[in-house]
C-alpha atoms as a PDB file:
ATOM      1  CA  UNK A   1     -19.697  -8.705 -26.167  1.00  0.00           C
ATOM      2  CA  UNK A   2     -17.653  -5.508 -25.803  1.00  0.00           C
ATOM      3  CA  UNK A   3     -14.759  -5.083 -23.417  1.00  0.00           C
ATOM      4  CA  UNK A   4     -14.644  -2.267 -20.916  1.00  0.00           C
ATOM      5  CA  UNK A   5     -11.691   0.059 -21.225  1.00  0.00           C
ATOM      6  CA  UNK A   6     -10.027   0.385 -17.853  1.00  0.00           C
ATOM      7  CA  UNK A   7      -8.943   3.779 -16.628  1.00  0.00           C
ATOM      8  CA  UNK A   8      -5.302   4.317 -15.700  1.00  0.00           C
ATOM      9  CA  UNK A   9      -4.771   4.975 -12.029  1.00  0.00           C
ATOM     10  CA  UNK A  10      -2.003   7.408 -11.192  1.00  0.00           C
ATOM     11  CA  UNK A  11      -0.316   8.114  -7.867  1.00  0.00           C
ATOM     12  CA  UNK A  12      -1.367  11.279  -6.047  1.00  0.00           C
ATOM     13  CA  UNK A  13      -0.061  14.323  -7.907  1.00  0.00           C
ATOM     14  CA  UNK A  14       0.355  12.458 -11.192  1.00  0.00           C
ATOM     15  CA  UNK A  15      -1.843  12.432 -14.282  1.00  0.00           C
ATOM     16  CA  UNK A  16      -1.568  11.330 -17.897  1.00  0.00           C
ATOM     17  CA  UNK A  17      -0.034  14.636 -18.996  1.00  0.00           C
ATOM     18  CA  UNK A  18       2.714  14.448 -16.373  1.00  0.00           C
ATOM     19  CA  UNK A  19       3.525  10.859 -17.340  1.00  0.00           C
ATOM     20  CA  UNK A  20       3.764  11.875 -21.004  1.00  0.00           C
ATOM     21  CA  UNK A  21       6.130  14.761 -20.131  1.00  0.00           C
ATOM     22  CA  UNK A  22       8.410  12.458 -18.119  1.00  0.00           C
ATOM     23  CA  UNK A  23       8.448   9.877 -20.912  1.00  0.00           C
ATOM     24  CA  UNK A  24       9.209  12.555 -23.499  1.00  0.00           C
ATOM     25  CA  UNK A  25      12.130  13.799 -21.384  1.00  0.00           C
ATOM     26  CA  UNK A  26      13.755  10.379 -21.209  1.00  0.00           C
ATOM     27  CA  UNK A  27      12.962   9.419 -24.808  1.00  0.00           C
ATOM     28  CA  UNK A  28      14.735  12.497 -26.190  1.00  0.00           C
ATOM     29  CA  UNK A  29      17.675  12.239 -23.780  1.00  0.00           C
ATOM     30  CA  UNK A  30      20.996  11.317 -25.367  1.00  0.00           C
ATOM     31  CA  UNK A  31      23.137   8.560 -23.903  1.00  0.00           C
ATOM     32  CA  UNK A  32      25.642  11.161 -22.679  1.00  0.00           C
ATOM     33  CA  UNK A  33      22.858  13.113 -20.947  1.00  0.00           C
ATOM     34  CA  UNK A  34      21.580   9.941 -19.304  1.00  0.00           C
ATOM     35  CA  UNK A  35      25.065   9.077 -18.036  1.00  0.00           C
ATOM     36  CA  UNK A  36      25.525  12.627 -16.700  1.00  0.00           C
ATOM     37  CA  UNK A  37      22.186  12.416 -14.896  1.00  0.00           C
ATOM     38  CA  UNK A  38      23.133   9.061 -13.355  1.00  0.00           C
ATOM     39  CA  UNK A  39      26.540  10.364 -12.263  1.00  0.00           C
ATOM     40  CA  UNK A  40      24.970  13.451 -10.694  1.00  0.00           C
ATOM     41  CA  UNK A  41      22.666  11.196  -8.685  1.00  0.00           C
ATOM     42  CA  UNK A  42      25.679   9.275  -7.382  1.00  0.00           C
ATOM     43  CA  UNK A  43      27.177  12.506  -6.032  1.00  0.00           C
ATOM     44  CA  UNK A  44      24.172  13.013  -3.757  1.00  0.00           C
ATOM     45  CA  UNK A  45      24.419  12.372  -0.020  1.00  0.00           C
ATOM     46  CA  UNK A  46      21.431  10.042  -0.327  1.00  0.00           C
ATOM     47  CA  UNK A  47      20.967   6.663  -1.972  1.00  0.00           C
ATOM     48  CA  UNK A  48      18.214   4.369  -3.136  1.00  0.00           C
ATOM     49  CA  UNK A  49      18.324   0.707  -2.226  1.00  0.00           C
ATOM     50  CA  UNK A  50      16.177  -2.374  -1.962  1.00  0.00           C
ATOM     51  CA  UNK A  51      15.611  -3.834   1.479  1.00  0.00           C
ATOM     52  CA  UNK A  52      13.444  -6.744   2.596  1.00  0.00           C
ATOM     53  CA  UNK A  53       9.989  -5.512   3.605  1.00  0.00           C
ATOM     54  CA  UNK A  54      10.322  -6.851   7.111  1.00  0.00           C
ATOM     55  CA  UNK A  55      13.326  -4.538   7.649  1.00  0.00           C
ATOM     56  CA  UNK A  56      11.551  -1.348   6.512  1.00  0.00           C
ATOM     57  CA  UNK A  57      10.372  -0.376  10.019  1.00  0.00           C
ATOM     58  CA  UNK A  58      13.921  -0.726  11.371  1.00  0.00           C
ATOM     59  CA  UNK A  59      15.356   1.300   8.479  1.00  0.00           C
ATOM     60  CA  UNK A  60      12.789   4.050   9.091  1.00  0.00           C
ATOM     61  CA  UNK A  61      13.686   4.027  12.787  1.00  0.00           C
ATOM     62  CA  UNK A  62      17.384   4.415  11.976  1.00  0.00           C
ATOM     63  CA  UNK A  63      16.668   7.295   9.595  1.00  0.00           C
ATOM     64  CA  UNK A  64      14.535   9.044  12.217  1.00  0.00           C
ATOM     65  CA  UNK A  65      17.313   8.689  14.815  1.00  0.00           C
ATOM     66  CA  UNK A  66      19.870   9.985  12.322  1.00  0.00           C
ATOM     67  CA  UNK A  67      17.788  13.097  11.549  1.00  0.00           C
ATOM     68  CA  UNK A  68      17.420  14.128  15.196  1.00  0.00           C
END
């Protein structure tokens, strides 16, 4: 019996070529370049954080109020 090969599913706007380019970027990046990239992200006025799913609607509401 042969196994079926499953197709990769990519988010909208992504494909195998784009994934390969992103991977290549990070694989060739030196440690110093990675640190510089991380530090540049910290200088942004935005942040990324994990919140409990049940709080997502409230967080979105706060962001919408802040933007108006």
